Protein backbone atom coordinates (compact mmCIF):
# COMPACT_ATOMS: atom_id res chain seq x y z
CA UNK A 1 -59.97 -19.04 -4.55
CA UNK A 2 -60.20 -22.81 -4.52
CA UNK A 3 -59.49 -25.53 -2.01
CA UNK A 4 -56.15 -27.26 -1.53
CA UNK A 5 -56.02 -29.20 1.71
CA UNK A 6 -52.36 -29.76 2.51
CA UNK A 7 -51.82 -32.80 4.67
CA UNK A 8 -48.95 -34.87 5.97
CA UNK A 9 -48.74 -36.50 2.53
CA UNK A 10 -47.13 -33.29 1.31
CA UNK A 11 -44.66 -32.50 4.06
CA UNK A 12 -41.83 -34.24 5.93
CA UNK A 13 -42.05 -34.75 9.66
CA UNK A 14 -39.03 -32.74 10.82
CA UNK A 15 -40.24 -29.45 12.26
CA UNK A 16 -38.26 -26.42 11.12
CA UNK A 17 -38.00 -22.84 12.36
CA UNK A 18 -41.46 -21.28 12.62
CA UNK A 19 -42.89 -19.41 9.66
CA UNK A 20 -45.19 -16.46 10.35
CA UNK A 21 -47.27 -16.91 7.18
CA UNK A 22 -50.55 -18.66 7.93
CA UNK A 23 -51.30 -20.42 4.64
CA UNK A 24 -54.85 -20.70 3.34
CA UNK A 25 -56.81 -23.95 2.98
CA UNK A 26 -54.32 -26.13 4.79
CA UNK A 27 -53.39 -27.98 7.94
CA UNK A 28 -50.73 -25.65 9.33
CA UNK A 29 -49.43 -28.43 11.56
CA UNK A 30 -48.37 -30.25 8.40
CA UNK A 31 -47.06 -27.17 6.59
CA UNK A 32 -45.08 -26.04 9.62
CA UNK A 33 -43.09 -29.26 9.38
CA UNK A 34 -41.82 -27.85 6.09
CA UNK A 35 -40.01 -27.11 4.02
CA UNK A 36 -42.48 -24.92 2.22
CA UNK A 37 -42.70 -25.01 -1.55
CA UNK A 38 -41.30 -21.61 -2.48
CA UNK A 39 -42.24 -20.46 -5.97
CA UNK A 40 -39.46 -18.16 -7.12
CA UNK A 41 -40.19 -17.39 -10.77
CA UNK A 42 -42.73 -17.93 -13.53
CA UNK A 43 -42.67 -17.76 -17.30
CA UNK A 44 -45.41 -18.98 -19.62
CA UNK A 45 -46.81 -22.23 -18.21
CA UNK A 46 -43.67 -22.87 -16.17
CA UNK A 47 -42.73 -22.18 -12.56
CA UNK A 48 -39.36 -22.52 -10.84
CA UNK A 49 -38.76 -23.15 -7.16
CA UNK A 50 -35.95 -21.54 -5.20
CA UNK A 51 -33.69 -24.50 -5.99
CA UNK A 52 -34.12 -23.93 -9.71
CA UNK A 53 -36.34 -26.96 -10.38
CA UNK A 54 -39.00 -26.42 -13.04
CA UNK A 55 -42.72 -27.30 -12.81
CA UNK A 56 -45.60 -27.13 -15.25
CA UNK A 57 -48.37 -25.02 -13.76
CA UNK A 58 -51.35 -27.25 -14.45
CA UNK A 59 -53.79 -25.00 -12.60
CA UNK A 60 -52.87 -21.45 -13.69
CA UNK A 61 -52.22 -20.90 -9.96
CA UNK A 62 -55.80 -20.72 -8.64
CA UNK A 63 -57.54 -20.80 -12.05
CA UNK A 64 -56.51 -17.24 -12.84
CA UNK A 65 -53.29 -16.94 -14.85
CA UNK A 66 -55.01 -17.23 -18.22
CA UNK A 67 -52.30 -15.51 -20.30
CA UNK A 68 -49.45 -17.26 -18.51
CA UNK A 69 -46.73 -16.02 -16.21
CA UNK A 70 -44.10 -13.36 -16.87
CA UNK A 71 -45.95 -11.08 -19.28
CA UNK A 72 -43.73 -8.01 -19.33
CA UNK A 73 -46.31 -5.77 -20.96
CA UNK A 74 -48.68 -6.17 -18.01
CA UNK A 75 -45.89 -5.28 -15.60
CA UNK A 76 -44.99 -2.28 -17.76
CA UNK A 77 -48.61 -1.10 -17.82
CA UNK A 78 -48.76 -1.30 -14.03
CA UNK A 79 -45.45 0.57 -13.73
CA UNK A 80 -46.61 3.37 -16.01
CA UNK A 81 -49.84 3.74 -14.08
CA UNK A 82 -48.16 3.69 -10.67
CA UNK A 83 -45.76 6.43 -11.72
CA UNK A 84 -48.74 8.55 -12.81
CA UNK A 85 -51.44 7.76 -10.23
CA UNK A 86 -50.77 4.79 -8.00
CA UNK A 87 -54.18 4.64 -6.30
CA UNK A 88 -57.30 6.61 -5.56
CA UNK A 89 -60.85 5.83 -4.53
CA UNK A 90 -63.92 5.59 -6.76
CA UNK A 91 -66.22 6.52 -3.88
CA UNK A 92 -68.70 9.28 -4.59
CA UNK A 93 -68.05 10.97 -7.92
CA UNK A 94 -64.33 10.14 -8.03
CA UNK A 95 -62.99 7.99 -10.84
CA UNK A 96 -59.81 7.37 -12.81
CA UNK A 97 -59.16 6.64 -16.47
CA UNK A 98 -58.19 2.94 -16.14
CA UNK A 99 -61.28 2.14 -14.05
CA UNK A 100 -63.60 4.02 -16.39
CA UNK A 101 -62.06 2.47 -19.51
CA UNK A 102 -62.11 -1.06 -18.08
CA UNK A 103 -65.81 -0.82 -17.20
CA UNK A 104 -66.63 0.42 -20.70
CA UNK A 105 -64.68 -2.44 -22.22
CA UNK A 106 -66.28 -5.11 -20.05
CA UNK A 107 -69.76 -3.72 -20.61
CA UNK A 108 -69.26 -3.81 -24.37
CA UNK A 109 -68.73 -7.58 -24.26
CA UNK A 110 -71.12 -8.62 -21.48
CA UNK A 111 -74.19 -10.72 -22.41
CA UNK A 112 -76.31 -8.52 -20.17
CA UNK A 113 -78.95 -5.98 -21.19
CA UNK A 114 -77.83 -2.36 -20.65
CA UNK A 115 -74.88 -3.30 -18.38
CA UNK A 116 -73.20 -1.29 -15.62
CA UNK A 117 -70.10 -2.49 -13.77
CA UNK A 118 -69.20 -2.45 -10.07
CA UNK A 119 -65.51 -3.05 -9.38
CA UNK A 120 -64.03 -4.98 -6.44
CA UNK A 121 -60.72 -6.61 -5.57
CA UNK A 122 -61.67 -10.26 -6.11
CA UNK A 123 -64.27 -12.95 -6.57
CA UNK A 124 -65.35 -13.34 -2.95
CA UNK A 125 -65.95 -9.60 -2.62
CA UNK A 126 -67.87 -9.66 -5.88
CA UNK A 127 -70.19 -12.44 -4.71
CA UNK A 128 -71.02 -10.52 -1.55
CA UNK A 129 -71.55 -7.38 -3.61
CA UNK A 130 -74.01 -9.18 -5.91
CA UNK A 131 -75.85 -10.79 -2.99
CA UNK A 132 -76.25 -7.49 -1.15
CA UNK A 133 -77.31 -5.74 -4.33
CA UNK A 134 -79.95 -8.41 -4.97
CA UNK A 135 -81.47 -7.88 -1.53
CA UNK A 136 -81.20 -4.10 -1.78
CA UNK A 137 -82.82 -4.16 -5.22
CA UNK A 138 -85.89 -5.95 -3.94
CA UNK A 139 -86.15 -3.59 -0.97
CA UNK A 140 -86.08 -0.60 -3.32
CA UNK A 141 -88.70 -2.31 -5.50
CA UNK A 142 -91.04 -2.56 -2.53
CA UNK A 143 -90.53 -6.28 -1.92
CA UNK A 144 -88.19 -6.36 1.11
CA UNK A 145 -89.34 -9.89 1.97
CA UNK A 146 -87.36 -11.18 -1.05
CA UNK A 147 -84.17 -12.09 0.80
CA UNK A 148 -83.72 -15.82 0.12
CA UNK A 149 -80.67 -16.82 -1.94
CA UNK A 150 -80.41 -20.10 -3.86
CA UNK A 151 -77.28 -21.85 -5.11
CA UNK A 152 -76.16 -25.31 -6.28
CA UNK A 153 -74.48 -28.34 -4.75
CA UNK A 154 -70.76 -28.22 -5.49
CA UNK A 155 -70.89 -24.53 -6.31
CA UNK A 156 -68.00 -22.43 -5.06
CA UNK A 157 -68.68 -18.74 -4.45
CA UNK A 158 -65.78 -17.57 -2.31
CA UNK A 159 -65.71 -17.53 1.46
CA UNK A 160 -66.80 -14.09 2.54
CA UNK A 161 -70.05 -13.78 4.47
CA UNK A 162 -72.54 -14.45 1.70
CA UNK A 163 -70.16 -16.78 -0.14
CA UNK A 164 -69.74 -18.97 2.94
CA UNK A 165 -73.50 -19.13 3.29
CA UNK A 166 -74.36 -20.06 -0.31
CA UNK A 167 -71.39 -22.31 -1.09
CA UNK A 168 -72.52 -25.76 -2.14
CA UNK A 169 -69.97 -27.68 -0.05
CA UNK A 170 -70.78 -28.07 3.64
CA UNK A 171 -67.17 -28.65 4.74
CA UNK A 172 -66.43 -24.95 4.17
CA UNK A 173 -68.84 -24.06 6.96
CA UNK A 174 -67.21 -26.29 9.58
CA UNK A 175 -66.87 -24.43 12.85
CA UNK A 176 -69.09 -21.47 12.00
CA UNK A 177 -72.07 -22.69 9.95
CA UNK A 178 -74.08 -20.43 7.68
CA UNK A 179 -73.24 -16.81 8.38
CA UNK A 180 -76.26 -15.45 6.51
CA UNK A 181 -79.83 -16.66 7.00
CA UNK A 182 -82.30 -17.38 4.21
CA UNK A 183 -80.13 -19.48 1.92
CA UNK A 184 -80.53 -22.97 0.47
CA UNK A 185 -78.82 -25.27 -2.01
CA UNK A 186 -80.37 -27.29 -4.84
CA UNK A 187 -78.91 -30.20 -6.87
CA UNK A 188 -76.52 -28.83 -9.49
CA UNK A 189 -77.95 -30.88 -12.36
CA UNK A 190 -81.70 -30.32 -12.01
CA UNK A 191 -83.60 -27.25 -13.15
CA UNK A 192 -86.75 -28.95 -11.86
CA UNK A 193 -85.22 -29.04 -8.37
CA UNK A 194 -84.60 -25.30 -8.60
CA UNK A 195 -88.24 -24.65 -9.44
CA UNK A 196 -89.37 -26.96 -6.64
CA UNK A 197 -87.22 -25.08 -4.11
CA UNK A 198 -88.52 -21.72 -5.29
CA UNK A 199 -92.06 -22.99 -4.74
CA UNK A 200 -91.15 -24.48 -1.35
CA UNK A 201 -89.64 -21.23 -0.08
CA UNK A 202 -92.25 -19.12 -1.83
CA UNK A 203 -91.43 -17.11 -4.97
CA UNK A 204 -92.30 -13.91 -3.14
CA UNK A 205 -89.40 -14.57 -0.75
CA UNK A 206 -86.66 -15.55 -3.23
CA UNK A 207 -84.21 -12.82 -4.24
CA UNK A 208 -81.71 -14.59 -6.50
CA UNK A 209 -80.18 -17.80 -7.80
CA UNK A 210 -76.39 -18.14 -8.12
CA UNK A 211 -74.72 -20.56 -10.56
CA UNK A 212 -71.33 -21.10 -12.20
CA UNK A 213 -71.43 -21.85 -15.95
CA UNK A 214 -69.30 -24.90 -15.16
CA UNK A 215 -68.87 -25.85 -11.51
CA UNK A 216 -65.14 -25.43 -11.01
CA UNK A 217 -63.58 -25.93 -7.60
CA UNK A 218 -66.42 -28.25 -6.63
CA UNK A 219 -65.13 -30.82 -9.11
CA UNK A 220 -65.62 -29.57 -12.71
CA UNK A 221 -69.26 -30.55 -13.26
CA UNK A 222 -70.62 -29.66 -16.70
CA UNK A 223 -74.26 -28.63 -17.19
CA UNK A 224 -76.61 -30.86 -19.15
CA UNK A 225 -77.82 -29.65 -22.53
CA UNK A 226 -80.58 -27.11 -22.06
CA UNK A 227 -79.99 -26.68 -18.33
CA UNK A 228 -79.31 -22.95 -18.36
CA UNK A 229 -82.07 -22.24 -20.87
CA UNK A 230 -84.51 -23.82 -18.43
CA UNK A 231 -82.94 -22.06 -15.43
CA UNK A 232 -83.30 -18.69 -17.15
CA UNK A 233 -86.95 -19.49 -17.95
CA UNK A 234 -87.68 -20.47 -14.34
CA UNK A 235 -86.00 -17.38 -12.91
CA UNK A 236 -87.94 -15.13 -15.28
CA UNK A 237 -91.21 -16.94 -14.49
CA UNK A 238 -90.91 -16.28 -10.76
CA UNK A 239 -89.09 -12.94 -10.94
CA UNK A 240 -85.94 -14.38 -9.36
CA UNK A 241 -82.67 -12.61 -10.22
CA UNK A 242 -80.32 -14.91 -12.15
CA UNK A 243 -76.72 -14.29 -11.05
CA UNK A 244 -73.90 -16.03 -12.90
CA UNK A 245 -70.61 -16.62 -11.08
CA UNK A 246 -68.05 -16.45 -13.89
CA UNK A 247 -65.04 -15.99 -11.63
CA UNK A 248 -63.43 -19.20 -12.91
CA UNK A 249 -65.12 -19.50 -16.30
CA UNK A 250 -64.51 -16.03 -17.70
CA UNK A 251 -61.96 -14.36 -19.94
CA UNK A 252 -61.46 -17.04 -22.59
CA UNK A 253 -61.35 -20.08 -20.32
CA UNK A 254 -64.58 -21.16 -22.02
CA UNK A 255 -63.85 -19.50 -25.35
CA UNK A 256 -65.71 -16.26 -24.65
CA UNK A 257 -65.74 -13.33 -22.26
CA UNK A 258 -67.86 -14.61 -19.39
CA UNK A 259 -68.50 -18.31 -19.95
CA UNK A 260 -72.28 -18.03 -19.87
CA UNK A 261 -72.42 -16.93 -23.55
CA UNK A 262 -71.94 -20.59 -24.40
CA UNK A 263 -75.53 -21.26 -23.34
CA UNK A 264 -77.26 -18.33 -25.02
CA UNK A 265 -78.84 -16.80 -21.93
CA UNK A 266 -78.70 -13.29 -20.49
CA UNK A 267 -78.45 -13.12 -16.69
CA UNK A 268 -79.29 -10.22 -14.41
CA UNK A 269 -75.76 -10.06 -13.01
CA UNK A 270 -72.37 -11.60 -13.80
CA UNK A 271 -69.70 -11.90 -11.13
CA UNK A 272 -66.12 -11.87 -12.43
CA UNK A 273 -62.50 -11.85 -11.21
CA UNK A 274 -59.41 -14.07 -11.73
CA UNK A 275 -58.83 -14.07 -15.50
CA UNK A 276 -59.80 -10.41 -15.90
CA UNK A 277 -56.25 -9.53 -14.83
CA UNK A 278 -54.75 -13.04 -15.03
CA UNK A 279 -53.98 -12.46 -11.36
CA UNK A 280 -51.23 -9.93 -12.01
CA UNK A 281 -53.04 -7.68 -9.54
CA UNK A 282 -56.21 -8.47 -7.55
CA UNK A 283 -59.36 -7.34 -9.34
CA UNK A 284 -62.97 -8.39 -9.66
CA UNK A 285 -66.42 -7.01 -10.12
CA UNK A 286 -70.08 -7.42 -10.98
CA UNK A 287 -71.73 -6.68 -14.31
CA UNK A 288 -75.24 -5.48 -13.48
CA UNK A 289 -78.17 -5.39 -15.91
CA UNK A 290 -80.20 -2.26 -16.48
CA UNK A 291 -83.17 -3.97 -14.83
CA UNK A 292 -81.29 -4.07 -11.54
CA UNK A 293 -79.31 -0.85 -11.94
CA UNK A 294 -82.08 1.50 -13.09
CA UNK A 295 -83.80 2.02 -9.71
CA UNK A 296 -80.47 3.22 -8.33
CA UNK A 297 -79.42 5.26 -11.37
CA UNK A 298 -82.74 6.82 -12.38
CA UNK A 299 -84.30 7.65 -9.02
CA UNK A 300 -82.88 9.91 -6.32
CA UNK A 301 -82.49 8.67 -2.78
CA UNK A 302 -81.64 5.04 -3.52
CA UNK A 303 -77.91 4.69 -2.86
CA UNK A 304 -76.35 1.24 -2.82
CA UNK A 305 -74.46 1.57 0.46
CA UNK A 306 -71.66 -0.82 -0.31
CA UNK A 307 -68.07 -0.63 -1.53
CA UNK A 308 -64.48 -1.62 -0.88
CA UNK A 309 -61.46 0.57 -0.21
CA UNK A 310 -59.42 -0.50 -3.22
CA UNK A 311 -62.25 -0.93 -5.75
CA UNK A 312 -61.33 0.66 -9.08
CA UNK A 313 -57.64 0.65 -8.16
CA UNK A 314 -55.90 2.36 -11.11
CA UNK A 315 -52.93 -0.01 -11.23
CA UNK A 316 -55.16 -3.07 -10.98
CA UNK A 317 -57.36 -1.76 -13.80
CA UNK A 318 -54.27 -1.00 -15.90
CA UNK A 319 -53.15 -4.60 -15.40
CA UNK A 320 -56.57 -5.83 -16.48
CA UNK A 321 -56.58 -3.66 -19.60
CA UNK A 322 -53.15 -4.95 -20.63
CA UNK A 323 -54.26 -8.52 -19.93
CA UNK A 324 -57.38 -8.08 -22.08
CA UNK A 325 -55.19 -6.65 -24.84
CA UNK A 326 -53.23 -9.93 -24.84
CA UNK A 327 -56.38 -12.06 -24.84
CA UNK A 328 -57.67 -10.22 -27.89
CA UNK A 329 -54.40 -9.76 -29.79
CA UNK A 330 -53.42 -13.43 -29.44
CA UNK A 331 -57.03 -14.52 -30.08
CA UNK A 332 -57.04 -16.66 -26.97
CA UNK A 333 -60.83 -16.78 -27.20
CA UNK A 334 -60.42 -19.00 -30.26
CA UNK A 335 -57.19 -20.69 -29.19
CA UNK A 336 -58.77 -21.79 -25.92
CA UNK A 337 -61.41 -23.80 -27.79
CA UNK A 338 -58.65 -25.73 -29.54
CA UNK A 339 -56.85 -26.22 -26.21
CA UNK A 340 -60.14 -27.42 -24.71
CA UNK A 341 -60.47 -30.14 -27.34
CA UNK A 342 -56.89 -31.38 -26.99
CA UNK A 343 -57.02 -31.34 -23.18
CA UNK A 344 -60.29 -33.26 -23.26
CA UNK A 345 -58.86 -35.94 -25.55
CA UNK A 346 -55.69 -36.26 -23.49
CA UNK A 347 -57.48 -36.50 -20.14
CA UNK A 348 -59.86 -39.15 -21.44
CA UNK A 349 -56.92 -41.50 -22.02
CA UNK A 350 -56.90 -41.83 -18.21
CA UNK A 351 -60.45 -43.20 -18.13
CA UNK A 352 -59.26 -46.83 -18.10
CA UNK A 353 -56.77 -46.37 -15.27
CA UNK A 354 -57.71 -48.64 -12.33
CA UNK A 355 -57.73 -45.72 -9.89
CA UNK A 356 -59.93 -43.50 -12.06
CA UNK A 357 -63.71 -43.51 -11.72
CA UNK A 358 -64.51 -40.67 -14.10
CA UNK A 359 -62.95 -37.97 -16.25
CA UNK A 360 -64.94 -34.74 -16.58
CA UNK A 361 -63.80 -32.35 -19.31
CA UNK A 362 -64.73 -30.99 -22.71
CA UNK A 363 -66.25 -27.65 -21.76
CA UNK A 364 -63.62 -25.02 -21.15
CA UNK A 365 -59.90 -25.35 -20.45
CA UNK A 366 -60.43 -27.38 -17.31
CA UNK A 367 -60.94 -30.95 -16.24
CA UNK A 368 -61.31 -33.33 -13.32
CA UNK A 369 -59.98 -36.84 -12.81
CA UNK A 370 -62.05 -38.45 -10.06
CA UNK A 371 -60.71 -41.45 -8.14
CA UNK A 372 -62.69 -44.62 -7.54
CA UNK A 373 -64.51 -45.49 -4.34
CA UNK A 374 -62.09 -48.40 -3.90
CA UNK A 375 -59.06 -46.12 -4.21
CA UNK A 376 -60.41 -43.54 -1.77
CA UNK A 377 -61.80 -46.15 0.62
CA UNK A 378 -60.35 -49.64 0.76
CA UNK A 379 -56.93 -48.69 -0.65
CA UNK A 380 -56.60 -45.57 1.50
CA UNK A 381 -55.40 -43.37 -1.35
CA UNK A 382 -55.89 -39.61 -1.13
CA UNK A 383 -55.87 -37.02 -3.86
CA UNK A 384 -53.23 -35.17 -1.84
CA UNK A 385 -50.93 -38.17 -2.28
CA UNK A 386 -51.40 -38.15 -6.05
CA UNK A 387 -50.86 -34.39 -6.07
CA UNK A 388 -47.60 -34.77 -4.15
CA UNK A 389 -46.37 -37.50 -6.51
CA UNK A 390 -47.19 -35.41 -9.58
CA UNK A 391 -45.47 -32.37 -8.11
CA UNK A 392 -42.37 -34.42 -7.35
CA UNK A 393 -42.40 -35.29 -11.07
CA UNK A 394 -42.68 -31.64 -12.11
CA UNK A 395 -46.41 -31.00 -12.63
CA UNK A 396 -48.69 -29.01 -10.31
CA UNK A 397 -52.33 -30.11 -10.08
CA UNK A 398 -55.19 -29.19 -7.72
CA UNK A 399 -56.37 -31.84 -5.24
CA UNK A 400 -59.94 -31.73 -3.94
CA UNK A 401 -61.39 -34.51 -1.79
CA UNK A 402 -62.34 -36.88 -4.62
CA UNK A 403 -60.53 -35.61 -7.71
CA UNK A 404 -57.48 -33.99 -9.25
CA UNK A 405 -58.34 -30.80 -11.12
CA UNK A 406 -56.51 -29.19 -14.03
CA UNK A 407 -56.98 -25.67 -15.41
CA UNK A 408 -53.73 -24.63 -17.12
CA UNK A 409 -52.92 -21.26 -18.66
CA UNK A 410 -54.65 -20.89 -22.01
CA UNK A 411 -51.31 -20.62 -23.82
CA UNK A 412 -50.40 -24.23 -23.05
CA UNK A 413 -49.19 -26.21 -26.09
CA UNK A 414 -50.26 -29.68 -27.22
CA UNK A 415 -46.87 -31.04 -26.17
CA UNK A 416 -47.23 -29.49 -22.73
CA UNK A 417 -50.76 -30.92 -22.35
CA UNK A 418 -49.44 -34.37 -23.20
CA UNK A 419 -46.64 -33.90 -20.66
CA UNK A 420 -49.17 -32.88 -18.00
CA UNK A 421 -51.39 -35.90 -18.61
CA UNK A 422 -48.56 -38.43 -18.92
CA UNK A 423 -47.10 -37.13 -15.66
CA UNK A 424 -50.47 -37.51 -13.95
CA UNK A 425 -50.70 -41.05 -15.33
CA UNK A 426 -47.25 -41.83 -13.94
CA UNK A 427 -48.23 -40.39 -10.56
CA UNK A 428 -51.36 -42.54 -10.50
CA UNK A 429 -49.29 -45.61 -11.37
CA UNK A 430 -46.77 -44.89 -8.61
CA UNK A 431 -49.47 -44.33 -5.99
CA UNK A 432 -51.33 -47.45 -7.11
CA UNK A 433 -48.16 -49.51 -6.78
CA UNK A 434 -47.53 -48.21 -3.25
CA UNK A 435 -51.02 -49.27 -2.23
CA UNK A 436 -50.91 -52.65 -3.89
CA UNK A 437 -53.21 -51.84 -6.80
CA UNK A 438 -52.47 -52.93 -10.35
CA UNK A 439 -51.27 -49.97 -12.41
CA UNK A 440 -52.40 -49.42 -15.96
CA UNK A 441 -49.79 -48.89 -18.63
CA UNK A 442 -49.92 -45.43 -20.15
């Protein structure tokens, strides 16, 4: 999940009848003044509200609808599975064919040595699974003092217990702080800073380092050339487990299966979710290397006492298998690289807009348009205001405190990309005009 702070910029002031749904990542005082934005239908890159108005989904919902909305074959696969076996646990020695087949398929493509797969119901659960497994691994290996977890500034790792503690954005801990001890954050763009922090904490105390291939919800920050090669070297040097969070970057969003392949390194674990099922049903998991799995698989008496009720859900796994069929049949792994290039070129036309400080794109089907200090400060402009203006014009973006993020379905066409970017340009112009700033012509 990613952040969308809904404020009064998005809602009228007339309070309506109370709604019992407590929305996530928002000021419910503002949302309760309604009306809510009710999404009624989706097809391809398009969404329709309950009034019949159409919107381009510029964010694939929350980064997950990689194959687009309304794929009948995924729904049919889920229906067939639910009329055969709707659900059953994978606790103990129980399994089901969709769960078994999905794990085999994922393992066959994972850039991990001798992979095994733990299934969950989403990214946040998967992060906590990986974090607990890292600590349990070191305990089994006779080094129980290795509990410290490292992550990066701007990194988003869900908001469960461990995720809240290792997330690289302090605002997500407001009101409750770090829930798990022995965590710290290093600058996202410095492998040297990672090594320095390992040495400060003590290598004998560090369990794992978490990193996204491209920082997503934190603002789409791309790694420097050679960054992950150096990170992998440092982790190996000090025995630290290297855990890649591919929840956003996986399943063709970066032109490959897990995102990290782009950098030619092999991590100890890969966390996945979102695009594995394109969100048609909740599903996630952790790909675990043989190094980490072997003490649990090859020696008696070392159970990993962790799991979730719906892990390995047959219908969810059937949805994922059908989704992966589409990714492969339509060659979206290759198509996404072409989409990446066109999206990058289109977004960079906004670089000269007076409200825009920086455009970050060109690695994966995603991008960020960051506003200037003047816009966010002196002019009093918010990203929520730009988001609201773009949505009123028929395009849905993702506002974070300093930038507008885009991450459309991978099936988006060149024409639709141009429509997305021209609408964003128009929204920026309109907001600039309201605040007395000169608007650039697009």
